[in-house]
PDB file of all heavy atoms in Angstrom:
ATOM      1  N   ILE A   1     -19.327  -7.954  -7.770  1.00  0.00           N
ATOM      2  CA  ILE A   1     -19.351  -6.492  -7.836  1.00  0.00           C
ATOM      3  C   ILE A   1     -20.588  -6.011  -8.593  1.00  0.00           C
ATOM      4  O   ILE A   1     -21.259  -5.057  -8.171  1.00  0.00           O
ATOM      5  CB  ILE A   1     -18.075  -5.956  -8.511  1.00  0.00           C
ATOM      6  CG1 ILE A   1     -16.842  -6.371  -7.698  1.00  0.00           C
ATOM      7  CG2 ILE A   1     -18.131  -4.449  -8.659  1.00  0.00           C
ATOM      8  CD1 ILE A   1     -16.843  -5.922  -6.265  1.00  0.00           C
ATOM      9  N   ALA A   2     -20.908  -6.672  -9.707  1.00  0.00           N
ATOM     10  CA  ALA A   2     -22.078  -6.277 -10.494  1.00  0.00           C
ATOM     11  C   ALA A   2     -23.354  -6.403  -9.675  1.00  0.00           C
ATOM     12  O   ALA A   2     -24.230  -5.528  -9.713  1.00  0.00           O
ATOM     13  CB  ALA A   2     -22.172  -7.126 -11.766  1.00  0.00           C
ATOM     14  N   GLU A   3     -23.467  -7.484  -8.894  1.00  0.00           N
ATOM     15  CA  GLU A   3     -24.660  -7.683  -8.071  1.00  0.00           C
ATOM     16  C   GLU A   3     -24.737  -6.649  -6.954  1.00  0.00           C
ATOM     17  O   GLU A   3     -25.810  -6.098  -6.666  1.00  0.00           O
ATOM     18  CB  GLU A   3     -24.667  -9.086  -7.478  1.00  0.00           C
ATOM     19  CG  GLU A   3     -25.824  -9.377  -6.534  1.00  0.00           C
ATOM     20  CD  GLU A   3     -27.186  -9.284  -7.206  1.00  0.00           C
ATOM     21  OE1 GLU A   3     -27.258  -9.413  -8.456  1.00  0.00           O
ATOM     22  OE2 GLU A   3     -28.178  -9.073  -6.487  1.00  0.00           O
ATOM     23  N   TYR A   4     -23.609  -6.360  -6.322  1.00  0.00           N
ATOM     24  CA  TYR A   4     -23.600  -5.365  -5.249  1.00  0.00           C
ATOM     25  C   TYR A   4     -23.978  -3.992  -5.778  1.00  0.00           C
ATOM     26  O   TYR A   4     -24.739  -3.250  -5.146  1.00  0.00           O
ATOM     27  CB  TYR A   4     -22.233  -5.320  -4.580  1.00  0.00           C
ATOM     28  CG  TYR A   4     -21.948  -6.492  -3.661  1.00  0.00           C
ATOM     29  CD1 TYR A   4     -22.807  -7.590  -3.607  1.00  0.00           C
ATOM     30  CD2 TYR A   4     -20.826  -6.515  -2.859  1.00  0.00           C
ATOM     31  CE1 TYR A   4     -22.560  -8.660  -2.783  1.00  0.00           C
ATOM     32  CE2 TYR A   4     -20.563  -7.587  -2.011  1.00  0.00           C
ATOM     33  CZ  TYR A   4     -21.434  -8.658  -1.985  1.00  0.00           C
ATOM     34  OH  TYR A   4     -21.179  -9.715  -1.152  1.00  0.00           O
ATOM     35  N   GLN A   5     -23.440  -3.626  -6.934  1.00  0.00           N
ATOM     36  CA  GLN A   5     -23.786  -2.331  -7.521  1.00  0.00           C
ATOM     37  C   GLN A   5     -25.254  -2.312  -7.928  1.00  0.00           C
ATOM     38  O   GLN A   5     -25.930  -1.286  -7.788  1.00  0.00           O
ATOM     39  CB  GLN A   5     -22.867  -2.032  -8.697  1.00  0.00           C
ATOM     40  CG  GLN A   5     -21.423  -1.756  -8.275  1.00  0.00           C
ATOM     41  CD  GLN A   5     -20.490  -1.511  -9.448  1.00  0.00           C
ATOM     42  OE1 GLN A   5     -20.711  -2.019 -10.552  1.00  0.00           O
ATOM     43  NE2 GLN A   5     -19.438  -0.744  -9.223  1.00  0.00           N
ATOM     44  N   ARG A   6     -25.779  -3.430  -8.399  1.00  0.00           N
ATOM     45  CA  ARG A   6     -27.201  -3.509  -8.763  1.00  0.00           C
ATOM     46  C   ARG A   6     -28.085  -3.297  -7.545  1.00  0.00           C
ATOM     47  O   ARG A   6     -29.152  -2.693  -7.623  1.00  0.00           O
ATOM     48  CB  ARG A   6     -27.494  -4.876  -9.395  1.00  0.00           C
ATOM     49  CG  ARG A   6     -28.892  -4.993 -10.005  1.00  0.00           C
ATOM     50  CD  ARG A   6     -29.175  -6.402 -10.471  1.00  0.00           C
ATOM     51  NE  ARG A   6     -29.388  -7.298  -9.345  1.00  0.00           N
ATOM     52  CZ  ARG A   6     -30.543  -7.410  -8.678  1.00  0.00           C
ATOM     53  NH1 ARG A   6     -31.586  -6.662  -9.026  1.00  0.00           N
ATOM     54  NH2 ARG A   6     -30.662  -8.245  -7.676  1.00  0.00           N
ATOM     55  N   GLN A   7     -27.637  -3.768  -6.383  1.00  0.00           N
ATOM     56  CA  GLN A   7     -28.391  -3.631  -5.154  1.00  0.00           C
ATOM     57  C   GLN A   7     -28.331  -2.204  -4.592  1.00  0.00           C
ATOM     58  O   GLN A   7     -29.086  -1.849  -3.695  1.00  0.00           O
ATOM     59  CB  GLN A   7     -27.861  -4.597  -4.085  1.00  0.00           C
ATOM     60  CG  GLN A   7     -28.086  -6.064  -4.405  1.00  0.00           C
ATOM     61  CD  GLN A   7     -29.494  -6.531  -4.073  1.00  0.00           C
ATOM     62  OE1 GLN A   7     -30.328  -5.763  -3.599  1.00  0.00           O
ATOM     63  NE2 GLN A   7     -29.775  -7.801  -4.338  1.00  0.00           N
ATOM     64  N   GLY A   8     -27.418  -1.382  -5.116  1.00  0.00           N
ATOM     65  CA  GLY A   8     -27.307  -0.004  -4.661  1.00  0.00           C
ATOM     66  C   GLY A   8     -26.120   0.272  -3.762  1.00  0.00           C
ATOM     67  O   GLY A   8     -25.927   1.404  -3.312  1.00  0.00           O
ATOM     68  N   PHE A   9     -25.291  -0.764  -3.495  1.00  0.00           N
ATOM     69  CA  PHE A   9     -24.103  -0.561  -2.669  1.00  0.00           C
ATOM     70  C   PHE A   9     -23.012   0.166  -3.455  1.00  0.00           C
ATOM     71  O   PHE A   9     -22.942   0.059  -4.686  1.00  0.00           O
ATOM     72  CB  PHE A   9     -23.523  -1.906  -2.207  1.00  0.00           C
ATOM     73  CG  PHE A   9     -24.462  -2.746  -1.402  1.00  0.00           C
ATOM     74  CD1 PHE A   9     -24.889  -3.979  -1.872  1.00  0.00           C
ATOM     75  CD2 PHE A   9     -24.914  -2.322  -0.164  1.00  0.00           C
ATOM     76  CE1 PHE A   9     -25.748  -4.769  -1.133  1.00  0.00           C
ATOM     77  CE2 PHE A   9     -25.771  -3.111   0.592  1.00  0.00           C
ATOM     78  CZ  PHE A   9     -26.194  -4.330   0.103  1.00  0.00           C
ATOM     79  N   LEU A  10     -22.140   0.883  -2.729  1.00  0.00           N
ATOM     80  CA  LEU A  10     -20.890   1.352  -3.302  1.00  0.00           C
ATOM     81  C   LEU A  10     -19.874   0.212  -3.230  1.00  0.00           C
ATOM     82  O   LEU A  10     -19.999  -0.695  -2.401  1.00  0.00           O
ATOM     83  CB  LEU A  10     -20.352   2.560  -2.525  1.00  0.00           C
ATOM     84  CG  LEU A  10     -21.212   3.824  -2.519  1.00  0.00           C
ATOM     85  CD1 LEU A  10     -20.651   4.849  -1.525  1.00  0.00           C
ATOM     86  CD2 LEU A  10     -21.304   4.417  -3.913  1.00  0.00           C
ATOM     87  N   THR A  11     -18.859   0.260  -4.106  1.00  0.00           N
ATOM     88  CA  THR A  11     -17.817  -0.764  -4.086  1.00  0.00           C
ATOM     89  C   THR A  11     -16.447  -0.102  -4.164  1.00  0.00           C
ATOM     90  O   THR A  11     -16.297   0.972  -4.750  1.00  0.00           O
ATOM     91  CB  THR A  11     -17.966  -1.752  -5.258  1.00  0.00           C
ATOM     92  OG1 THR A  11     -17.904  -1.035  -6.500  1.00  0.00           O
ATOM     93  CG2 THR A  11     -19.278  -2.513  -5.170  1.00  0.00           C
ATOM     94  N   ALA A  12     -15.451  -0.767  -3.563  1.00  0.00           N
ATOM     95  CA  ALA A  12     -14.104  -0.202  -3.538  1.00  0.00           C
ATOM     96  C   ALA A  12     -13.051  -1.306  -3.606  1.00  0.00           C
ATOM     97  O   ALA A  12     -13.249  -2.401  -3.063  1.00  0.00           O
ATOM     98  CB  ALA A  12     -13.894   0.622  -2.265  1.00  0.00           C
ATOM     99  N   ILE A  13     -11.942  -1.008  -4.271  1.00  0.00           N
ATOM    100  CA  ILE A  13     -10.745  -1.850  -4.196  1.00  0.00           C
ATOM    101  C   ILE A  13      -9.886  -1.298  -3.076  1.00  0.00           C
ATOM    102  O   ILE A  13      -9.474  -0.144  -3.108  1.00  0.00           O
ATOM    103  CB  ILE A  13      -9.941  -1.836  -5.508  1.00  0.00           C
ATOM    104  CG1 ILE A  13     -10.777  -2.340  -6.682  1.00  0.00           C
ATOM    105  CG2 ILE A  13      -8.683  -2.707  -5.354  1.00  0.00           C
ATOM    106  CD1 ILE A  13     -10.051  -2.265  -8.016  1.00  0.00           C
ATOM    107  N   ASP A  14      -9.596  -2.123  -2.084  1.00  0.00           N
ATOM    108  CA  ASP A  14      -8.759  -1.722  -0.959  1.00  0.00           C
ATOM    109  C   ASP A  14      -7.298  -2.071  -1.250  1.00  0.00           C
ATOM    110  O   ASP A  14      -7.008  -2.967  -2.055  1.00  0.00           O
ATOM    111  CB  ASP A  14      -9.236  -2.446   0.302  1.00  0.00           C
ATOM    112  CG  ASP A  14      -8.673  -1.848   1.577  1.00  0.00           C
ATOM    113  OD1 ASP A  14      -8.056  -0.769   1.511  1.00  0.00           O
ATOM    114  OD2 ASP A  14      -8.860  -2.463   2.636  1.00  0.00           O
ATOM    115  N   ASP A  15      -6.375  -1.354  -0.606  1.00  0.00           N
ATOM    116  CA  ASP A  15      -4.939  -1.648  -0.693  1.00  0.00           C
ATOM    117  C   ASP A  15      -4.442  -1.685  -2.138  1.00  0.00           C
ATOM    118  O   ASP A  15      -3.596  -2.514  -2.494  1.00  0.00           O
ATOM    119  CB  ASP A  15      -4.612  -2.984  -0.009  1.00  0.00           C
ATOM    120  CG  ASP A  15      -5.000  -2.995   1.457  1.00  0.00           C
ATOM    121  OD1 ASP A  15      -4.939  -1.921   2.084  1.00  0.00           O
ATOM    122  OD2 ASP A  15      -5.355  -4.069   1.974  1.00  0.00           O
ATOM    123  N   PHE A  16      -4.948  -0.791  -2.983  1.00  0.00           N
ATOM    124  CA  PHE A  16      -4.563  -0.805  -4.386  1.00  0.00           C
ATOM    125  C   PHE A  16      -3.068  -0.513  -4.517  1.00  0.00           C
ATOM    126  O   PHE A  16      -2.557   0.454  -3.968  1.00  0.00           O
ATOM    127  CB  PHE A  16      -5.361   0.237  -5.180  1.00  0.00           C
ATOM    128  CG  PHE A  16      -5.187   0.124  -6.667  1.00  0.00           C
ATOM    129  CD1 PHE A  16      -5.915  -0.800  -7.394  1.00  0.00           C
ATOM    130  CD2 PHE A  16      -4.273   0.927  -7.336  1.00  0.00           C
ATOM    131  CE1 PHE A  16      -5.755  -0.919  -8.765  1.00  0.00           C
ATOM    132  CE2 PHE A  16      -4.111   0.820  -8.705  1.00  0.00           C
ATOM    133  CZ  PHE A  16      -4.848  -0.111  -9.424  1.00  0.00           C
ATOM    134  N   GLY A  17      -2.393  -1.382  -5.262  1.00  0.00           N
ATOM    135  CA  GLY A  17      -0.959  -1.225  -5.435  1.00  0.00           C
ATOM    136  C   GLY A  17      -0.147  -2.161  -4.575  1.00  0.00           C
ATOM    137  O   GLY A  17       1.083  -2.172  -4.660  1.00  0.00           O
ATOM    138  N   ALA A  18      -0.831  -2.984  -3.740  1.00  0.00           N
ATOM    139  CA  ALA A  18      -0.093  -3.858  -2.834  1.00  0.00           C
ATOM    140  C   ALA A  18      -0.412  -5.329  -3.064  1.00  0.00           C
ATOM    141  O   ALA A  18       0.101  -6.185  -2.372  1.00  0.00           O
ATOM    142  CB  ALA A  18      -0.409  -3.503  -1.384  1.00  0.00           C
ATOM    143  N   GLY A  19      -1.235  -5.644  -4.048  1.00  0.00           N
ATOM    144  CA  GLY A  19      -1.723  -7.012  -4.150  1.00  0.00           C
ATOM    145  C   GLY A  19      -1.362  -7.722  -5.431  1.00  0.00           C
ATOM    146  O   GLY A  19      -0.365  -7.423  -6.078  1.00  0.00           O
ATOM    147  N   TYR A  20      -2.232  -8.647  -5.809  1.00  0.00           N
ATOM    148  CA  TYR A  20      -1.938  -9.551  -6.908  1.00  0.00           C
ATOM    149  C   TYR A  20      -2.269  -8.994  -8.288  1.00  0.00           C
ATOM    150  O   TYR A  20      -1.604  -9.302  -9.261  1.00  0.00           O
ATOM    151  CB  TYR A  20      -2.733 -10.856  -6.715  1.00  0.00           C
ATOM    152  CG  TYR A  20      -2.295 -11.659  -5.533  1.00  0.00           C
ATOM    153  CD1 TYR A  20      -3.063 -11.697  -4.370  1.00  0.00           C
ATOM    154  CD2 TYR A  20      -1.114 -12.379  -5.566  1.00  0.00           C
ATOM    155  CE1 TYR A  20      -2.663 -12.435  -3.273  1.00  0.00           C
ATOM    156  CE2 TYR A  20      -0.706 -13.134  -4.466  1.00  0.00           C
ATOM    157  CZ  TYR A  20      -1.481 -13.154  -3.331  1.00  0.00           C
ATOM    158  OH  TYR A  20      -1.085 -13.882  -2.248  1.00  0.00           O
ATOM    159  N   ALA A  21      -3.316  -8.185  -8.386  1.00  0.00           N
ATOM    160  CA  ALA A  21      -3.865  -7.913  -9.702  1.00  0.00           C
ATOM    161  C   ALA A  21      -3.501  -6.550 -10.273  1.00  0.00           C
ATOM    162  O   ALA A  21      -3.303  -6.401 -11.457  1.00  0.00           O
ATOM    163  CB  ALA A  21      -5.382  -8.055  -9.663  1.00  0.00           C
ATOM    164  N   GLY A  22      -3.428  -5.516  -9.445  1.00  0.00           N
ATOM    165  CA  GLY A  22      -3.064  -4.190  -9.920  1.00  0.00           C
ATOM    166  C   GLY A  22      -4.000  -3.668 -10.990  1.00  0.00           C
ATOM    167  O   GLY A  22      -5.220  -3.784 -10.899  1.00  0.00           O
ATOM    168  N   LEU A  23      -3.413  -3.114 -12.031  1.00  0.00           N
ATOM    169  CA  LEU A  23      -4.203  -2.481 -13.083  1.00  0.00           C
ATOM    170  C   LEU A  23      -5.057  -3.485 -13.839  1.00  0.00           C
ATOM    171  O   LEU A  23      -6.098  -3.122 -14.383  1.00  0.00           O
ATOM    172  CB  LEU A  23      -3.285  -1.729 -14.036  1.00  0.00           C
ATOM    173  CG  LEU A  23      -2.576  -0.511 -13.445  1.00  0.00           C
ATOM    174  CD1 LEU A  23      -1.598   0.076 -14.452  1.00  0.00           C
ATOM    175  CD2 LEU A  23      -3.575   0.546 -13.005  1.00  0.00           C
ATOM    176  N   ASN A  24      -4.644  -4.756 -13.891  1.00  0.00           N
ATOM    177  CA  ASN A  24      -5.482  -5.762 -14.546  1.00  0.00           C
ATOM    178  C   ASN A  24      -6.825  -5.898 -13.850  1.00  0.00           C
ATOM    179  O   ASN A  24      -7.857  -6.085 -14.494  1.00  0.00           O
ATOM    180  CB  ASN A  24      -4.772  -7.117 -14.560  1.00  0.00           C
ATOM    181  CG  ASN A  24      -3.629  -7.158 -15.550  1.00  0.00           C
ATOM    182  OD1 ASN A  24      -3.631  -6.424 -16.533  1.00  0.00           O
ATOM    183  ND2 ASN A  24      -2.647  -8.002 -15.285  1.00  0.00           N
ATOM    184  N   LEU A  25      -6.807  -5.798 -12.534  1.00  0.00           N
ATOM    185  CA  LEU A  25      -8.053  -5.871 -11.770  1.00  0.00           C
ATOM    186  C   LEU A  25      -8.935  -4.671 -12.082  1.00  0.00           C
ATOM    187  O   LEU A  25     -10.143  -4.797 -12.279  1.00  0.00           O
ATOM    188  CB  LEU A  25      -7.747  -5.927 -10.283  1.00  0.00           C
ATOM    189  CG  LEU A  25      -8.927  -6.128  -9.326  1.00  0.00           C
ATOM    190  CD1 LEU A  25      -9.630  -7.442  -9.620  1.00  0.00           C
ATOM    191  CD2 LEU A  25      -8.449  -6.103  -7.894  1.00  0.00           C
ATOM    192  N   LEU A  26      -8.340  -3.497 -12.148  1.00  0.00           N
ATOM    193  CA  LEU A  26      -9.096  -2.286 -12.443  1.00  0.00           C
ATOM    194  C   LEU A  26      -9.688  -2.334 -13.844  1.00  0.00           C
ATOM    195  O   LEU A  26     -10.756  -1.785 -14.107  1.00  0.00           O
ATOM    196  CB  LEU A  26      -8.186  -1.061 -12.289  1.00  0.00           C
ATOM    197  CG  LEU A  26      -8.854   0.314 -12.305  1.00  0.00           C
ATOM    198  CD1 LEU A  26      -9.881   0.429 -11.193  1.00  0.00           C
ATOM    199  CD2 LEU A  26      -7.803   1.409 -12.169  1.00  0.00           C
ATOM    200  N   ALA A  27      -8.995  -3.001 -14.753  1.00  0.00           N
ATOM    201  CA  ALA A  27      -9.484  -3.108 -16.129  1.00  0.00           C
ATOM    202  C   ALA A  27     -10.678  -4.049 -16.247  1.00  0.00           C
ATOM    203  O   ALA A  27     -11.447  -3.970 -17.207  1.00  0.00           O
ATOM    204  CB  ALA A  27      -8.358  -3.599 -17.041  1.00  0.00           C
ATOM    205  N   SER A  28     -10.853  -4.930 -15.245  1.00  0.00           N
ATOM    206  CA  SER A  28     -11.918  -5.926 -15.324  1.00  0.00           C
ATOM    207  C   SER A  28     -13.279  -5.358 -14.962  1.00  0.00           C
ATOM    208  O   SER A  28     -14.301  -5.839 -15.426  1.00  0.00           O
ATOM    209  CB  SER A  28     -11.596  -7.106 -14.394  1.00  0.00           C
ATOM    210  OG  SER A  28     -10.387  -7.724 -14.787  1.00  0.00           O
ATOM    211  N   PHE A  29     -13.312  -4.383 -14.096  1.00  0.00           N
ATOM    212  CA  PHE A  29     -14.570  -3.759 -13.697  1.00  0.00           C
ATOM    213  C   PHE A  29     -14.268  -2.368 -13.162  1.00  0.00           C
ATOM    214  O   PHE A  29     -13.124  -2.016 -12.895  1.00  0.00           O
ATOM    215  CB  PHE A  29     -15.300  -4.600 -12.648  1.00  0.00           C
ATOM    216  CG  PHE A  29     -14.621  -4.631 -11.320  1.00  0.00           C
ATOM    217  CD1 PHE A  29     -14.957  -3.723 -10.326  1.00  0.00           C
ATOM    218  CD2 PHE A  29     -13.631  -5.551 -11.060  1.00  0.00           C
ATOM    219  CE1 PHE A  29     -14.325  -3.738  -9.108  1.00  0.00           C
ATOM    220  CE2 PHE A  29     -12.995  -5.579  -9.824  1.00  0.00           C
ATOM    221  CZ  PHE A  29     -13.337  -4.674  -8.852  1.00  0.00           C
ATOM    222  N   THR A  30     -15.317  -1.576 -12.982  1.00  0.00           N
ATOM    223  CA  THR A  30     -15.162  -0.199 -12.517  1.00  0.00           C
ATOM    224  C   THR A  30     -15.804  -0.044 -11.146  1.00  0.00           C
ATOM    225  O   THR A  30     -17.024   0.064 -11.033  1.00  0.00           O
ATOM    226  CB  THR A  30     -15.807   0.784 -13.509  1.00  0.00           C
ATOM    227  OG1 THR A  30     -15.249   0.578 -14.795  1.00  0.00           O
ATOM    228  CG2 THR A  30     -15.555   2.221 -13.076  1.00  0.00           C
ATOM    229  N   PRO A  31     -15.001  -0.026 -10.077  1.00  0.00           N
ATOM    230  CA  PRO A  31     -15.551   0.223  -8.746  1.00  0.00           C
ATOM    231  C   PRO A  31     -15.871   1.708  -8.589  1.00  0.00           C
ATOM    232  O   PRO A  31     -15.508   2.538  -9.429  1.00  0.00           O
ATOM    233  CB  PRO A  31     -14.405  -0.200  -7.822  1.00  0.00           C
ATOM    234  CG  PRO A  31     -13.186   0.133  -8.615  1.00  0.00           C
ATOM    235  CD  PRO A  31     -13.536  -0.161 -10.053  1.00  0.00           C
ATOM    236  N   ASP A  32     -16.510   2.047  -7.506  1.00  0.00           N
ATOM    237  CA  ASP A  32     -16.779   3.459  -7.225  1.00  0.00           C
ATOM    238  C   ASP A  32     -15.555   4.150  -6.637  1.00  0.00           C
ATOM    239  O   ASP A  32     -15.361   5.350  -6.840  1.00  0.00           O
ATOM    240  CB  ASP A  32     -17.949   3.574  -6.236  1.00  0.00           C
ATOM    241  CG  ASP A  32     -19.226   2.977  -6.796  1.00  0.00           C
ATOM    242  OD1 ASP A  32     -19.825   3.613  -7.683  1.00  0.00           O
ATOM    243  OD2 ASP A  32     -19.604   1.875  -6.370  1.00  0.00           O
ATOM    244  N   ILE A  33     -14.733   3.376  -5.922  1.00  0.00           N
ATOM    245  CA  ILE A  33     -13.609   3.949  -5.177  1.00  0.00           C
ATOM    246  C   ILE A  33     -12.389   3.050  -5.315  1.00  0.00           C
ATOM    247  O   ILE A  33     -12.508   1.817  -5.304  1.00  0.00           O
ATOM    248  CB  ILE A  33     -13.961   4.092  -3.680  1.00  0.00           C
ATOM    249  CG1 ILE A  33     -15.174   5.008  -3.493  1.00  0.00           C
ATOM    250  CG2 ILE A  33     -12.772   4.611  -2.864  1.00  0.00           C
ATOM    251  CD1 ILE A  33     -15.839   4.879  -2.140  1.00  0.00           C
ATOM    252  N   VAL A  34     -11.220   3.666  -5.430  1.00  0.00           N
ATOM    253  CA  VAL A  34      -9.947   2.957  -5.331  1.00  0.00           C
ATOM    254  C   VAL A  34      -9.198   3.514  -4.127  1.00  0.00           C
ATOM    255  O   VAL A  34      -9.013   4.723  -4.012  1.00  0.00           O
ATOM    256  CB  VAL A  34      -9.103   3.129  -6.608  1.00  0.00           C
ATOM    257  CG1 VAL A  34      -7.637   2.787  -6.340  1.00  0.00           C
ATOM    258  CG2 VAL A  34      -9.642   2.252  -7.731  1.00  0.00           C
ATOM    259  N   LYS A  35      -8.789   2.619  -3.220  1.00  0.00           N
ATOM    260  CA  LYS A  35      -8.041   3.026  -2.029  1.00  0.00           C
ATOM    261  C   LYS A  35      -6.549   2.792  -2.270  1.00  0.00           C
ATOM    262  O   LYS A  35      -6.120   1.641  -2.430  1.00  0.00           O
ATOM    263  CB  LYS A  35      -8.508   2.245  -0.800  1.00  0.00           C
ATOM    264  CG  LYS A  35      -9.952   2.522  -0.397  1.00  0.00           C
ATOM    265  CD  LYS A  35     -10.332   1.811   0.892  1.00  0.00           C
ATOM    266  CE  LYS A  35      -9.651   2.416   2.102  1.00  0.00           C
ATOM    267  NZ  LYS A  35     -10.161   1.837   3.376  1.00  0.00           N
ATOM    268  N   ILE A  36      -5.782   3.874  -2.296  1.00  0.00           N
ATOM    269  CA  ILE A  36      -4.340   3.774  -2.506  1.00  0.00           C
ATOM    270  C   ILE A  36      -3.689   3.195  -1.259  1.00  0.00           C
ATOM    271  O   ILE A  36      -3.866   3.708  -0.150  1.00  0.00           O
ATOM    272  CB  ILE A  36      -3.730   5.154  -2.816  1.00  0.00           C
ATOM    273  CG1 ILE A  36      -4.420   5.793  -4.029  1.00  0.00           C
ATOM    274  CG2 ILE A  36      -2.227   5.046  -3.045  1.00  0.00           C
ATOM    275  CD1 ILE A  36      -4.223   5.067  -5.323  1.00  0.00           C
ATOM    276  N   ASP A  37      -2.919   2.122  -1.424  1.00  0.00           N
ATOM    277  CA  ASP A  37      -2.293   1.445  -0.289  1.00  0.00           C
ATOM    278  C   ASP A  37      -1.348   2.371   0.461  1.00  0.00           C
ATOM    279  O   ASP A  37      -0.659   3.208  -0.122  1.00  0.00           O
ATOM    280  CB  ASP A  37      -1.526   0.226  -0.785  1.00  0.00           C
ATOM    281  CG  ASP A  37      -0.872  -0.537   0.346  1.00  0.00           C
ATOM    282  OD1 ASP A  37      -1.614  -1.142   1.141  1.00  0.00           O
ATOM    283  OD2 ASP A  37       0.367  -0.497   0.448  1.00  0.00           O
ATOM    284  N   MET A  38      -1.291   2.202   1.782  1.00  0.00           N
ATOM    285  CA  MET A  38      -0.456   3.064   2.605  1.00  0.00           C
ATOM    286  C   MET A  38       1.030   2.927   2.289  1.00  0.00           C
ATOM    287  O   MET A  38       1.816   3.834   2.574  1.00  0.00           O
ATOM    288  CB  MET A  38      -0.705   2.784   4.082  1.00  0.00           C
ATOM    289  CG  MET A  38      -0.277   1.427   4.569  1.00  0.00           C
ATOM    290  SD  MET A  38      -0.538   1.250   6.368  1.00  0.00           S
ATOM    291  CE  MET A  38      -2.328   1.383   6.491  1.00  0.00           C
ATOM    292  N   GLY A  39       1.416   1.816   1.671  1.00  0.00           N
ATOM    293  CA  GLY A  39       2.809   1.682   1.265  1.00  0.00           C
ATOM    294  C   GLY A  39       3.210   2.708   0.222  1.00  0.00           C
ATOM    295  O   GLY A  39       4.374   3.140   0.167  1.00  0.00           O
TER     296      GLY A  39
END
């Protein structure tokens, strides 16, 4: 994520709320976008 942001890309967590990491993942780094899972 750090390298992608350094290159100028946007970054996003997809399906937030449906996976393994949840808020712990969000605490590890700051993406540009969080996608709320359709569930």
